Amino acid sequence: MGIFGRKRRGAEPEEEPRRGRHAAPEADELPEDDGPEPVETPQGPYDVEDAPEDELPRIDLGSVRVPVPDGSQVQVEMDQQSGNVRAVHVVTSHGQVTVSGYAAPRSGGLWREVSTELTEQLRNDGAQVTSTRGEWGLELSAIVGEVALRFVGVDGPRWMLRGVIAGPQSQAAQAPAVLRDIVRDTIVVRGDSPMPVRTPLPITLPEAVQQHIAAQQQA
């Protein structure tokens, strides 16, 4: 469901308490280097306690505040049975970006586990999957039919952020940079409530978006 655009499984109990900044992967955990070395440690994505006071336009989804680049649109995917929000996508000219937050252990390392499972799942579905090194460590690329996918993950303080961009193979060269730009400027609002590891952080829609959806449903 298109909304608007700027024109131009519980596994283990979570560990308390908080720690600062997201943890960098160990060097020996990274895949073979298929790309250039990162020039410097990226500043984002940000925990809400470390977020900059900037003028960047973001859509506030409660647990994540996701930047909306010029010329992109926001789409809300609803669960038809429950009526709940399944996902919120930022649709760009290079592909559809989805950013999701999850509860993670204080020790970090969840993205490594998730990426291994994701690789196996994609290959079982017939996808061609490769891994490379990006700003935050491991990135996955996959080809599913005519669709090119790129996944990134970041381990933060008691949260993990996963970003994916899906688009045509003709845009596969430009898509990763678009995804990284959005993930880099995302703000995560984890909250203090205990949650089982891997629990998706709840999504809440801005009131204007809720009203738009309600009007479309009535129409």
N, C-alpha and C. Protein backbone atom coordinates (compact mmCIF):
# COMPACT_ATOMS: atom_id res chain seq x y z
N MET A 1 0.85 -1.19 0.00
CA MET A 1 0.00 0.00 0.00
C MET A 1 0.88 1.23 0.00
N GLY A 2 0.77 2.04 -1.08
CA GLY A 2 1.58 3.24 -1.15
C GLY A 2 1.05 4.32 -0.22
N ILE A 3 1.94 5.03 0.42
CA ILE A 3 1.51 6.05 1.38
C ILE A 3 1.89 7.44 0.90
N PHE A 4 3.11 7.78 0.90
CA PHE A 4 3.50 9.11 0.50
C PHE A 4 4.98 9.11 0.16
N GLY A 5 5.46 10.19 -0.39
CA GLY A 5 6.88 10.26 -0.73
C GLY A 5 7.37 11.68 -0.69
N ARG A 6 8.68 11.81 -0.55
CA ARG A 6 9.29 13.13 -0.69
C ARG A 6 9.62 13.30 -2.15
N LYS A 7 9.06 14.26 -2.78
CA LYS A 7 9.21 14.39 -4.22
C LYS A 7 10.61 14.70 -4.57
N ARG A 8 11.09 15.47 -4.89
CA ARG A 8 12.46 15.71 -5.34
C ARG A 8 13.12 14.49 -4.84
N ARG A 9 11.58 -15.49 16.40
CA ARG A 9 11.24 -16.65 17.22
C ARG A 9 11.94 -16.50 18.55
N GLY A 10 11.54 -16.36 19.73
CA GLY A 10 12.33 -16.15 20.92
C GLY A 10 13.22 -17.31 21.23
N ALA A 11 14.53 -17.11 21.25
CA ALA A 11 15.47 -18.19 21.43
C ALA A 11 16.02 -18.23 22.85
N GLU A 12 16.77 -17.27 23.27
CA GLU A 12 17.39 -17.26 24.59
C GLU A 12 17.02 -15.96 25.28
N PRO A 13 16.99 -15.96 26.60
CA PRO A 13 16.65 -14.71 27.28
C PRO A 13 17.71 -13.66 27.03
N GLU A 14 17.26 -12.45 26.97
CA GLU A 14 18.17 -11.35 26.70
C GLU A 14 18.98 -11.01 27.92
N GLU A 15 20.20 -10.57 27.66
CA GLU A 15 21.06 -10.15 28.75
C GLU A 15 20.87 -8.68 29.03
N GLU A 16 20.85 -8.28 30.27
CA GLU A 16 20.85 -6.89 30.69
C GLU A 16 22.28 -6.57 31.13
N PRO A 17 22.69 -5.42 31.27
CA PRO A 17 22.12 -4.12 30.96
C PRO A 17 22.63 -3.63 29.61
N ARG A 18 22.52 -2.32 29.36
CA ARG A 18 22.93 -1.74 28.08
C ARG A 18 24.43 -1.62 27.99
N ARG A 19 24.92 -1.48 26.75
CA ARG A 19 26.30 -1.08 26.53
C ARG A 19 26.32 -0.07 25.40
N GLY A 20 27.35 0.67 25.27
CA GLY A 20 27.40 1.74 24.28
C GLY A 20 27.75 1.24 22.90
N ARG A 21 27.42 1.93 21.86
CA ARG A 21 27.76 1.74 20.46
C ARG A 21 27.68 0.30 20.00
N HIS A 22 27.54 0.10 18.73
CA HIS A 22 27.43 -1.24 18.20
C HIS A 22 28.80 -1.88 18.09
N ALA A 23 28.83 -3.21 18.29
CA ALA A 23 30.08 -3.93 18.32
C ALA A 23 30.56 -4.23 16.91
N ALA A 24 31.85 -4.07 16.67
CA ALA A 24 32.41 -4.41 15.37
C ALA A 24 32.71 -5.89 15.32
N PRO A 25 32.53 -6.57 14.16
CA PRO A 25 32.84 -7.98 14.05
C PRO A 25 34.34 -8.21 14.20
N GLU A 26 34.69 -9.40 14.72
CA GLU A 26 36.08 -9.77 14.81
C GLU A 26 36.63 -9.97 13.40
N ALA A 27 37.93 -9.66 13.23
CA ALA A 27 38.51 -9.72 11.90
C ALA A 27 38.47 -11.14 11.34
N ASP A 28 38.71 -12.16 12.20
CA ASP A 28 38.74 -13.52 11.68
C ASP A 28 37.35 -14.08 11.42
N GLU A 29 36.29 -13.32 11.74
CA GLU A 29 34.94 -13.78 11.46
C GLU A 29 34.46 -13.30 10.10
N LEU A 30 35.18 -12.37 9.48
CA LEU A 30 34.71 -11.77 8.24
C LEU A 30 35.00 -12.70 7.07
N PRO A 31 34.18 -12.61 6.01
CA PRO A 31 34.43 -13.43 4.83
C PRO A 31 35.63 -12.91 4.06
N GLU A 32 35.99 -13.66 3.02
CA GLU A 32 37.06 -13.21 2.14
C GLU A 32 36.72 -11.85 1.59
N ASP A 33 37.72 -11.02 1.49
CA ASP A 33 37.49 -9.64 1.08
C ASP A 33 37.32 -9.55 -0.43
N ASP A 34 36.09 -9.38 -0.89
CA ASP A 34 35.82 -9.26 -2.32
C ASP A 34 35.75 -7.81 -2.77
N GLY A 35 35.84 -6.88 -1.84
CA GLY A 35 35.71 -5.47 -2.18
C GLY A 35 36.75 -4.65 -1.45
N PRO A 36 36.67 -3.34 -1.60
CA PRO A 36 37.65 -2.46 -0.96
C PRO A 36 37.50 -2.45 0.55
N GLU A 37 38.58 -2.22 1.24
CA GLU A 37 38.55 -2.09 2.69
C GLU A 37 37.78 -0.84 3.08
N PRO A 38 36.98 -0.89 4.16
CA PRO A 38 36.32 0.33 4.63
C PRO A 38 37.36 1.38 4.99
N VAL A 39 37.08 2.61 4.61
CA VAL A 39 38.05 3.68 4.85
C VAL A 39 38.09 4.05 6.33
N GLU A 40 36.93 4.11 6.97
CA GLU A 40 36.89 4.49 8.37
C GLU A 40 35.68 3.84 9.04
N THR A 41 35.67 3.84 10.35
CA THR A 41 34.55 3.26 11.07
C THR A 41 33.31 4.12 10.87
N PRO A 42 32.22 3.52 10.39
CA PRO A 42 31.01 4.31 10.16
C PRO A 42 30.42 4.82 11.47
N GLN A 43 29.78 5.97 11.41
CA GLN A 43 29.20 6.56 12.61
C GLN A 43 27.83 5.99 12.93
N GLY A 44 27.09 5.61 11.92
CA GLY A 44 25.75 5.09 12.13
C GLY A 44 25.66 3.64 11.70
N PRO A 45 24.51 3.00 11.90
CA PRO A 45 23.28 3.54 12.47
C PRO A 45 23.46 3.89 13.95
N TYR A 46 22.50 4.64 14.47
CA TYR A 46 22.64 5.20 15.81
C TYR A 46 21.65 4.60 16.79
N ASP A 47 22.14 4.31 17.98
CA ASP A 47 21.22 4.12 19.09
C ASP A 47 20.64 5.48 19.42
N VAL A 48 19.40 5.50 19.87
CA VAL A 48 18.73 6.79 20.11
C VAL A 48 19.52 7.66 21.08
N GLU A 49 20.25 7.05 21.99
CA GLU A 49 21.02 7.83 22.96
C GLU A 49 22.22 8.52 22.33
N ASP A 50 22.66 8.02 21.15
CA ASP A 50 23.82 8.60 20.48
C ASP A 50 23.45 9.33 19.19
N ALA A 51 22.15 9.47 18.93
CA ALA A 51 21.70 10.02 17.65
C ALA A 51 22.05 11.50 17.52
N PRO A 52 22.45 11.92 16.32
CA PRO A 52 22.77 13.33 16.11
C PRO A 52 21.51 14.17 16.01
N GLU A 53 21.63 15.43 16.35
CA GLU A 53 20.50 16.37 16.19
C GLU A 53 20.66 17.03 14.82
N ASP A 54 20.13 16.37 13.81
CA ASP A 54 20.27 16.87 12.45
C ASP A 54 18.89 17.17 11.87
N GLU A 55 18.89 17.63 10.64
CA GLU A 55 17.65 18.00 9.96
C GLU A 55 17.24 16.93 8.95
N LEU A 56 17.83 15.76 9.03
CA LEU A 56 17.55 14.72 8.04
C LEU A 56 16.11 14.22 8.20
N PRO A 57 15.33 14.21 7.11
CA PRO A 57 13.95 13.73 7.20
C PRO A 57 13.90 12.22 7.39
N ARG A 58 13.23 11.79 8.44
CA ARG A 58 13.09 10.37 8.74
C ARG A 58 11.62 10.08 9.03
N ILE A 59 11.18 8.86 8.70
CA ILE A 59 9.86 8.43 9.10
C ILE A 59 10.01 7.72 10.44
N ASP A 60 9.22 8.14 11.44
CA ASP A 60 9.31 7.61 12.79
C ASP A 60 8.39 6.40 12.90
N LEU A 61 9.00 5.22 12.99
CA LEU A 61 8.24 3.98 13.10
C LEU A 61 8.29 3.40 14.51
N GLY A 62 8.56 4.25 15.46
CA GLY A 62 8.61 3.80 16.85
C GLY A 62 9.96 3.24 17.22
N SER A 63 10.24 2.02 16.81
CA SER A 63 11.50 1.37 17.16
C SER A 63 12.64 1.77 16.24
N VAL A 64 12.30 2.24 15.04
CA VAL A 64 13.32 2.72 14.12
C VAL A 64 12.85 4.02 13.47
N ARG A 65 13.79 4.92 13.25
CA ARG A 65 13.52 6.15 12.52
C ARG A 65 14.36 6.10 11.26
N VAL A 66 13.69 5.91 10.14
CA VAL A 66 14.36 5.59 8.88
C VAL A 66 14.37 6.80 7.96
N PRO A 67 15.53 7.17 7.42
CA PRO A 67 15.59 8.30 6.50
C PRO A 67 14.84 8.02 5.21
N VAL A 68 14.22 9.05 4.66
CA VAL A 68 13.47 8.94 3.40
C VAL A 68 14.16 9.84 2.38
N PRO A 69 14.95 9.28 1.48
CA PRO A 69 15.69 10.10 0.51
C PRO A 69 14.76 10.84 -0.45
N ASP A 70 15.28 11.92 -1.02
CA ASP A 70 14.53 12.67 -2.03
C ASP A 70 14.10 11.75 -3.16
N GLY A 71 12.87 11.91 -3.62
CA GLY A 71 12.36 11.13 -4.74
C GLY A 71 11.86 9.75 -4.38
N SER A 72 11.98 9.33 -3.12
CA SER A 72 11.53 8.00 -2.71
C SER A 72 10.12 8.07 -2.14
N GLN A 73 9.50 6.91 -1.98
CA GLN A 73 8.17 6.80 -1.41
C GLN A 73 8.17 5.79 -0.28
N VAL A 74 7.21 5.93 0.60
CA VAL A 74 7.05 4.99 1.71
C VAL A 74 5.84 4.10 1.43
N GLN A 75 6.02 2.81 1.57
CA GLN A 75 4.93 1.85 1.42
C GLN A 75 4.78 1.04 2.69
N VAL A 76 3.55 0.82 3.09
CA VAL A 76 3.25 0.04 4.29
C VAL A 76 2.67 -1.30 3.86
N GLU A 77 3.26 -2.37 4.35
CA GLU A 77 2.77 -3.72 4.06
C GLU A 77 1.97 -4.21 5.26
N MET A 78 0.70 -4.49 5.06
CA MET A 78 -0.19 -4.90 6.14
C MET A 78 -0.41 -6.42 6.11
N ASP A 79 -0.59 -6.99 7.28
CA ASP A 79 -1.01 -8.39 7.39
C ASP A 79 -2.53 -8.42 7.24
N GLN A 80 -3.01 -9.04 6.19
CA GLN A 80 -4.43 -9.00 5.89
C GLN A 80 -5.27 -9.70 6.94
N GLN A 81 -4.71 -10.70 7.59
CA GLN A 81 -5.48 -11.44 8.60
C GLN A 81 -5.57 -10.70 9.92
N SER A 82 -4.42 -10.23 10.41
CA SER A 82 -4.40 -9.59 11.72
C SER A 82 -4.67 -8.09 11.63
N GLY A 83 -4.43 -7.49 10.46
CA GLY A 83 -4.55 -6.04 10.33
C GLY A 83 -3.37 -5.28 10.88
N ASN A 84 -2.33 -6.00 11.32
CA ASN A 84 -1.13 -5.36 11.86
C ASN A 84 -0.16 -5.00 10.74
N VAL A 85 0.78 -4.13 11.06
CA VAL A 85 1.81 -3.75 10.10
C VAL A 85 2.84 -4.86 10.01
N ARG A 86 3.06 -5.34 8.80
CA ARG A 86 4.07 -6.38 8.60
C ARG A 86 5.44 -5.77 8.36
N ALA A 87 5.49 -4.73 7.55
CA ALA A 87 6.78 -4.08 7.25
C ALA A 87 6.50 -2.72 6.63
N VAL A 88 7.51 -1.86 6.70
CA VAL A 88 7.45 -0.56 6.05
C VAL A 88 8.65 -0.47 5.11
N HIS A 89 8.39 -0.13 3.85
CA HIS A 89 9.43 -0.10 2.83
C HIS A 89 9.67 1.33 2.35
N VAL A 90 10.92 1.64 2.05
CA VAL A 90 11.27 2.89 1.38
C VAL A 90 11.60 2.51 -0.05
N VAL A 91 10.77 2.97 -0.98
CA VAL A 91 10.93 2.61 -2.38
C VAL A 91 11.73 3.70 -3.10
N THR A 92 12.91 3.33 -3.58
CA THR A 92 13.79 4.25 -4.27
C THR A 92 13.87 3.87 -5.75
N SER A 93 14.55 4.69 -6.53
CA SER A 93 14.69 4.39 -7.95
C SER A 93 15.59 3.19 -8.21
N HIS A 94 16.33 2.74 -7.18
CA HIS A 94 17.24 1.61 -7.34
C HIS A 94 16.72 0.35 -6.67
N GLY A 95 15.60 0.41 -5.99
CA GLY A 95 15.05 -0.77 -5.35
C GLY A 95 14.29 -0.42 -4.08
N GLN A 96 13.67 -1.44 -3.52
CA GLN A 96 12.86 -1.30 -2.31
C GLN A 96 13.71 -1.64 -1.08
N VAL A 97 13.82 -0.69 -0.17
CA VAL A 97 14.64 -0.86 1.03
C VAL A 97 13.74 -1.14 2.23
N THR A 98 14.10 -2.16 3.01
CA THR A 98 13.38 -2.50 4.23
C THR A 98 14.38 -2.57 5.37
N VAL A 99 14.15 -1.81 6.43
CA VAL A 99 15.03 -1.79 7.59
C VAL A 99 14.24 -2.27 8.80
N SER A 100 14.77 -3.27 9.50
CA SER A 100 14.07 -3.88 10.63
C SER A 100 15.00 -4.00 11.83
N GLY A 101 14.45 -3.76 13.03
CA GLY A 101 15.22 -3.90 14.25
C GLY A 101 14.78 -5.13 15.03
N TYR A 102 15.72 -5.75 15.74
CA TYR A 102 15.45 -6.95 16.52
C TYR A 102 16.15 -6.85 17.88
N ALA A 103 15.55 -7.47 18.88
CA ALA A 103 16.21 -7.56 20.18
C ALA A 103 17.41 -8.49 20.06
N ALA A 104 18.50 -8.12 20.71
CA ALA A 104 19.74 -8.88 20.58
C ALA A 104 20.41 -9.01 21.94
N PRO A 105 21.31 -9.97 22.10
CA PRO A 105 22.01 -10.12 23.38
C PRO A 105 22.99 -8.99 23.62
N ARG A 106 23.29 -8.75 24.87
CA ARG A 106 24.25 -7.70 25.22
C ARG A 106 25.62 -7.97 24.62
N SER A 107 25.94 -9.25 24.43
CA SER A 107 27.25 -9.63 23.90
C SER A 107 27.39 -9.40 22.40
N GLY A 108 26.28 -9.12 21.70
CA GLY A 108 26.33 -8.89 20.26
C GLY A 108 26.49 -10.19 19.48
N GLY A 109 26.82 -10.05 18.20
CA GLY A 109 27.08 -11.22 17.36
C GLY A 109 25.87 -11.85 16.73
N LEU A 110 24.69 -11.25 16.88
CA LEU A 110 23.48 -11.87 16.33
C LEU A 110 23.48 -11.87 14.81
N TRP A 111 23.99 -10.81 14.18
CA TRP A 111 23.98 -10.76 12.72
C TRP A 111 24.76 -11.91 12.11
N ARG A 112 25.84 -12.33 12.73
CA ARG A 112 26.61 -13.47 12.23
C ARG A 112 25.74 -14.72 12.19
N GLU A 113 24.98 -14.96 13.25
CA GLU A 113 24.09 -16.12 13.28
C GLU A 113 22.98 -16.01 12.24
N VAL A 114 22.36 -14.84 12.19
CA VAL A 114 21.23 -14.63 11.28
C VAL A 114 21.68 -14.73 9.83
N SER A 115 22.84 -14.17 9.51
CA SER A 115 23.32 -14.19 8.13
C SER A 115 23.62 -15.62 7.67
N THR A 116 24.13 -16.45 8.57
CA THR A 116 24.39 -17.85 8.22
C THR A 116 23.10 -18.58 7.90
N GLU A 117 22.07 -18.37 8.74
CA GLU A 117 20.78 -19.00 8.50
C GLU A 117 20.13 -18.46 7.22
N LEU A 118 20.27 -17.15 7.00
CA LEU A 118 19.69 -16.53 5.83
C LEU A 118 20.33 -17.07 4.55
N THR A 119 21.65 -17.25 4.58
CA THR A 119 22.35 -17.81 3.42
C THR A 119 21.84 -19.20 3.10
N GLU A 120 21.69 -20.03 4.12
CA GLU A 120 21.19 -21.39 3.91
C GLU A 120 19.77 -21.38 3.36
N GLN A 121 18.92 -20.52 3.91
CA GLN A 121 17.54 -20.45 3.46
C GLN A 121 17.45 -20.01 2.00
N LEU A 122 18.22 -18.98 1.64
CA LEU A 122 18.20 -18.48 0.26
C LEU A 122 18.69 -19.55 -0.72
N ARG A 123 19.75 -20.24 -0.37
CA ARG A 123 20.27 -21.29 -1.25
C ARG A 123 19.30 -22.45 -1.38
N ASN A 124 18.60 -22.76 -0.30
CA ASN A 124 17.58 -23.82 -0.38
C ASN A 124 16.44 -23.42 -1.31
N ASP A 125 16.23 -22.11 -1.44
CA ASP A 125 15.19 -21.60 -2.34
C ASP A 125 15.69 -21.41 -3.76
N GLY A 126 16.93 -21.81 -4.01
CA GLY A 126 17.47 -21.74 -5.35
C GLY A 126 18.21 -20.46 -5.69
N ALA A 127 18.46 -19.61 -4.71
CA ALA A 127 19.13 -18.34 -4.98
C ALA A 127 20.64 -18.53 -5.07
N GLN A 128 21.28 -17.67 -5.84
CA GLN A 128 22.74 -17.59 -5.88
C GLN A 128 23.17 -16.58 -4.82
N VAL A 129 23.98 -17.02 -3.87
CA VAL A 129 24.33 -16.17 -2.73
C VAL A 129 25.85 -16.03 -2.64
N THR A 130 26.32 -14.80 -2.47
CA THR A 130 27.73 -14.54 -2.23
C THR A 130 27.86 -13.59 -1.03
N SER A 131 29.00 -13.61 -0.38
CA SER A 131 29.24 -12.72 0.76
C SER A 131 30.44 -11.84 0.48
N THR A 132 30.44 -10.69 1.09
CA THR A 132 31.53 -9.74 0.92
C THR A 132 31.68 -8.90 2.17
N ARG A 133 32.69 -8.03 2.17
CA ARG A 133 32.94 -7.16 3.31
C ARG A 133 32.40 -5.77 3.00
N GLY A 134 31.66 -5.20 3.94
CA GLY A 134 31.14 -3.85 3.78
C GLY A 134 31.49 -2.99 4.98
N GLU A 135 30.77 -1.91 5.15
CA GLU A 135 31.06 -0.96 6.23
C GLU A 135 30.99 -1.60 7.61
N TRP A 136 30.02 -2.50 7.81
CA TRP A 136 29.79 -3.08 9.12
C TRP A 136 30.21 -4.54 9.19
N GLY A 137 30.99 -4.97 8.19
CA GLY A 137 31.41 -6.36 8.18
C GLY A 137 30.70 -7.13 7.07
N LEU A 138 30.07 -8.23 7.44
CA LEU A 138 29.48 -9.14 6.47
C LEU A 138 28.29 -8.53 5.74
N GLU A 139 28.29 -8.65 4.42
CA GLU A 139 27.13 -8.33 3.59
C GLU A 139 26.83 -9.53 2.71
N LEU A 140 25.56 -9.73 2.39
CA LEU A 140 25.15 -10.83 1.52
C LEU A 140 24.54 -10.28 0.25
N SER A 141 24.88 -10.89 -0.88
CA SER A 141 24.23 -10.59 -2.15
C SER A 141 23.55 -11.86 -2.63
N ALA A 142 22.36 -11.71 -3.20
CA ALA A 142 21.63 -12.88 -3.69
C ALA A 142 20.89 -12.51 -4.97
N ILE A 143 20.79 -13.48 -5.86
CA ILE A 143 20.02 -13.35 -7.08
C ILE A 143 18.88 -14.35 -7.02
N VAL A 144 17.66 -13.86 -7.07
CA VAL A 144 16.47 -14.71 -7.06
C VAL A 144 15.67 -14.39 -8.31
N GLY A 145 15.78 -15.24 -9.32
CA GLY A 145 15.11 -14.94 -10.58
C GLY A 145 15.70 -13.68 -11.20
N GLU A 146 14.84 -12.69 -11.42
CA GLU A 146 15.28 -11.42 -12.00
C GLU A 146 15.56 -10.36 -10.93
N VAL A 147 15.46 -10.75 -9.65
CA VAL A 147 15.61 -9.80 -8.55
C VAL A 147 16.98 -9.93 -7.90
N ALA A 148 17.62 -8.80 -7.68
CA ALA A 148 18.89 -8.76 -6.97
C ALA A 148 18.64 -8.26 -5.54
N LEU A 149 19.22 -8.94 -4.57
CA LEU A 149 19.06 -8.60 -3.16
C LEU A 149 20.42 -8.29 -2.55
N ARG A 150 20.45 -7.34 -1.63
CA ARG A 150 21.66 -7.08 -0.84
C ARG A 150 21.22 -6.91 0.61
N PHE A 151 21.88 -7.66 1.51
CA PHE A 151 21.56 -7.61 2.94
C PHE A 151 22.75 -7.06 3.71
N VAL A 152 22.48 -6.21 4.69
CA VAL A 152 23.50 -5.77 5.64
C VAL A 152 22.92 -5.93 7.04
N GLY A 153 23.81 -6.06 8.01
CA GLY A 153 23.38 -6.16 9.40
C GLY A 153 24.34 -5.44 10.31
N VAL A 154 23.82 -4.89 11.38
CA VAL A 154 24.64 -4.15 12.35
C VAL A 154 24.24 -4.58 13.75
N ASP A 155 25.21 -5.00 14.55
CA ASP A 155 24.98 -5.34 15.95
C ASP A 155 25.13 -4.10 16.80
N GLY A 156 24.08 -3.71 17.50
CA GLY A 156 24.10 -2.55 18.36
C GLY A 156 23.94 -2.92 19.83
N PRO A 157 23.75 -1.93 20.70
CA PRO A 157 23.55 -2.19 22.13
C PRO A 157 22.17 -2.79 22.40
N ARG A 158 22.12 -4.10 22.50
CA ARG A 158 20.90 -4.86 22.77
C ARG A 158 19.92 -4.84 21.59
N TRP A 159 20.42 -4.48 20.41
CA TRP A 159 19.61 -4.57 19.20
C TRP A 159 20.47 -4.97 18.02
N MET A 160 19.81 -5.53 17.03
CA MET A 160 20.43 -5.79 15.74
C MET A 160 19.57 -5.14 14.68
N LEU A 161 20.20 -4.46 13.74
CA LEU A 161 19.48 -3.82 12.65
C LEU A 161 19.81 -4.56 11.36
N ARG A 162 18.76 -4.96 10.65
CA ARG A 162 18.96 -5.62 9.36
C ARG A 162 18.35 -4.77 8.26
N GLY A 163 19.11 -4.56 7.19
CA GLY A 163 18.61 -3.83 6.04
C GLY A 163 18.72 -4.67 4.79
N VAL A 164 17.75 -4.56 3.90
CA VAL A 164 17.78 -5.28 2.64
C VAL A 164 17.23 -4.37 1.54
N ILE A 165 17.82 -4.44 0.36
CA ILE A 165 17.29 -3.75 -0.80
C ILE A 165 17.03 -4.80 -1.87
N ALA A 166 15.85 -4.73 -2.47
CA ALA A 166 15.45 -5.65 -3.53
C ALA A 166 15.11 -4.84 -4.77
N GLY A 167 15.70 -5.22 -5.89
CA GLY A 167 15.45 -4.48 -7.12
C GLY A 167 15.87 -5.28 -8.33
N PRO A 168 15.70 -4.72 -9.50
CA PRO A 168 16.10 -5.42 -10.73
C PRO A 168 17.61 -5.57 -10.81
N GLN A 169 18.04 -6.61 -11.51
CA GLN A 169 19.47 -6.84 -11.63
C GLN A 169 20.18 -5.68 -12.33
N SER A 170 19.46 -4.94 -13.15
CA SER A 170 20.06 -3.80 -13.84
C SER A 170 20.50 -2.71 -12.88
N GLN A 171 19.95 -2.70 -11.65
CA GLN A 171 20.31 -1.70 -10.65
C GLN A 171 21.21 -2.26 -9.55
N ALA A 172 21.68 -3.50 -9.74
CA ALA A 172 22.43 -4.18 -8.68
C ALA A 172 23.72 -3.47 -8.31
N ALA A 173 24.34 -2.76 -9.25
CA ALA A 173 25.60 -2.08 -8.96
C ALA A 173 25.39 -0.87 -8.06
N GLN A 174 24.28 -0.15 -8.25
CA GLN A 174 24.03 1.07 -7.47
C GLN A 174 23.29 0.80 -6.17
N ALA A 175 22.55 -0.31 -6.11
CA ALA A 175 21.67 -0.57 -4.98
C ALA A 175 22.38 -0.64 -3.62
N PRO A 176 23.54 -1.31 -3.50
CA PRO A 176 24.17 -1.40 -2.18
C PRO A 176 24.47 -0.05 -1.55
N ALA A 177 24.91 0.93 -2.34
CA ALA A 177 25.21 2.25 -1.79
C ALA A 177 23.95 2.93 -1.27
N VAL A 178 22.83 2.75 -1.98
CA VAL A 178 21.56 3.31 -1.52
C VAL A 178 21.16 2.69 -0.19
N LEU A 179 21.29 1.37 -0.09
CA LEU A 179 20.96 0.67 1.15
C LEU A 179 21.84 1.16 2.30
N ARG A 180 23.15 1.24 2.07
CA ARG A 180 24.06 1.67 3.14
C ARG A 180 23.75 3.08 3.60
N ASP A 181 23.42 3.97 2.67
CA ASP A 181 23.10 5.34 3.05
C ASP A 181 21.91 5.39 3.99
N ILE A 182 20.89 4.58 3.71
CA ILE A 182 19.69 4.57 4.56
C ILE A 182 19.99 3.94 5.91
N VAL A 183 20.69 2.81 5.91
CA VAL A 183 21.02 2.13 7.17
C VAL A 183 21.91 3.02 8.03
N ARG A 184 22.87 3.70 7.41
CA ARG A 184 23.83 4.51 8.15
C ARG A 184 23.17 5.63 8.93
N ASP A 185 22.06 6.17 8.41
CA ASP A 185 21.40 7.30 9.07
C ASP A 185 20.14 6.89 9.84
N THR A 186 19.93 5.59 9.99
CA THR A 186 18.79 5.11 10.77
C THR A 186 19.08 5.23 12.27
N ILE A 187 18.03 5.56 13.03
CA ILE A 187 18.11 5.64 14.48
C ILE A 187 17.27 4.51 15.07
N VAL A 188 17.85 3.77 16.02
CA VAL A 188 17.15 2.65 16.65
C VAL A 188 16.72 3.05 18.06
N VAL A 189 15.43 2.83 18.35
CA VAL A 189 14.89 3.11 19.68
C VAL A 189 14.53 1.76 20.29
N ARG A 190 15.48 1.16 20.98
CA ARG A 190 15.32 -0.21 21.51
C ARG A 190 14.35 -0.28 22.68
N GLY A 191 14.38 0.73 23.56
CA GLY A 191 13.57 0.66 24.77
C GLY A 191 14.25 -0.19 25.83
N ASP A 192 13.74 -0.13 27.04
CA ASP A 192 14.37 -0.84 28.16
C ASP A 192 13.69 -2.14 28.53
N SER A 193 12.56 -2.47 27.90
CA SER A 193 11.83 -3.68 28.26
C SER A 193 12.60 -4.92 27.84
N PRO A 194 12.68 -5.93 28.73
CA PRO A 194 13.33 -7.19 28.34
C PRO A 194 12.55 -7.87 27.21
N MET A 195 13.27 -8.41 26.25
CA MET A 195 12.66 -9.13 25.13
C MET A 195 13.52 -10.35 24.82
N PRO A 196 12.90 -11.45 24.39
CA PRO A 196 13.69 -12.58 23.92
C PRO A 196 14.52 -12.18 22.71
N VAL A 197 15.70 -12.73 22.61
CA VAL A 197 16.57 -12.45 21.48
C VAL A 197 15.86 -12.81 20.18
N ARG A 198 16.02 -11.99 19.18
CA ARG A 198 15.44 -12.11 17.84
C ARG A 198 14.00 -11.62 17.75
N THR A 199 13.45 -11.14 18.83
CA THR A 199 12.11 -10.58 18.75
C THR A 199 12.13 -9.30 17.91
N PRO A 200 11.27 -9.20 16.88
CA PRO A 200 11.24 -7.96 16.09
C PRO A 200 10.82 -6.78 16.97
N LEU A 201 11.51 -5.68 16.86
CA LEU A 201 11.12 -4.48 17.59
C LEU A 201 9.82 -3.96 16.98
N PRO A 202 8.87 -3.55 17.82
CA PRO A 202 7.54 -3.19 17.32
C PRO A 202 7.55 -1.96 16.42
N ILE A 203 6.70 -2.01 15.40
CA ILE A 203 6.54 -0.89 14.47
C ILE A 203 5.25 -0.15 14.79
N THR A 204 5.35 1.15 14.92
CA THR A 204 4.16 1.99 15.07
C THR A 204 4.20 3.04 13.97
N LEU A 205 3.06 3.29 13.36
CA LEU A 205 2.99 4.23 12.25
C LEU A 205 2.68 5.64 12.73
N PRO A 206 3.22 6.65 12.07
CA PRO A 206 2.84 8.02 12.39
C PRO A 206 1.34 8.21 12.19
N GLU A 207 0.75 9.14 12.94
CA GLU A 207 -0.69 9.34 12.88
C GLU A 207 -1.17 9.68 11.47
N ALA A 208 -0.40 10.47 10.74
CA ALA A 208 -0.80 10.84 9.38
C ALA A 208 -0.88 9.62 8.48
N VAL A 209 0.04 8.68 8.66
CA VAL A 209 0.02 7.46 7.86
C VAL A 209 -1.17 6.59 8.25
N GLN A 210 -1.45 6.50 9.55
CA GLN A 210 -2.60 5.72 10.00
C GLN A 210 -3.89 6.28 9.40
N GLN A 211 -4.02 7.59 9.39
CA GLN A 211 -5.22 8.20 8.84
C GLN A 211 -5.33 7.94 7.34
N HIS A 212 -4.20 7.98 6.65
CA HIS A 212 -4.19 7.70 5.21
C HIS A 212 -4.65 6.27 4.93
N ILE A 213 -4.14 5.32 5.71
CA ILE A 213 -4.54 3.92 5.53
C ILE A 213 -6.02 3.75 5.82
N ALA A 214 -6.50 4.37 6.89
CA ALA A 214 -7.92 4.27 7.24
C ALA A 214 -8.79 4.83 6.13
N ALA A 215 -8.38 5.96 5.54
CA ALA A 215 -9.16 6.56 4.45
C ALA A 215 -9.19 5.64 3.23
N GLN A 216 -8.06 5.00 2.93
CA GLN A 216 -8.01 4.09 1.79
C GLN A 216 -8.90 2.88 2.04
N GLN A 217 -8.90 2.36 3.26
CA GLN A 217 -9.73 1.21 3.58
C GLN A 217 -11.22 1.56 3.48
N GLN A 218 -11.58 2.74 3.91
CA GLN A 218 -12.98 3.16 3.82
C GLN A 218 -13.41 3.36 2.36
N ALA A 219 -12.47 3.83 1.55
CA ALA A 219 -12.79 4.05 0.14
C ALA A 219 -12.95 2.72 -0.60
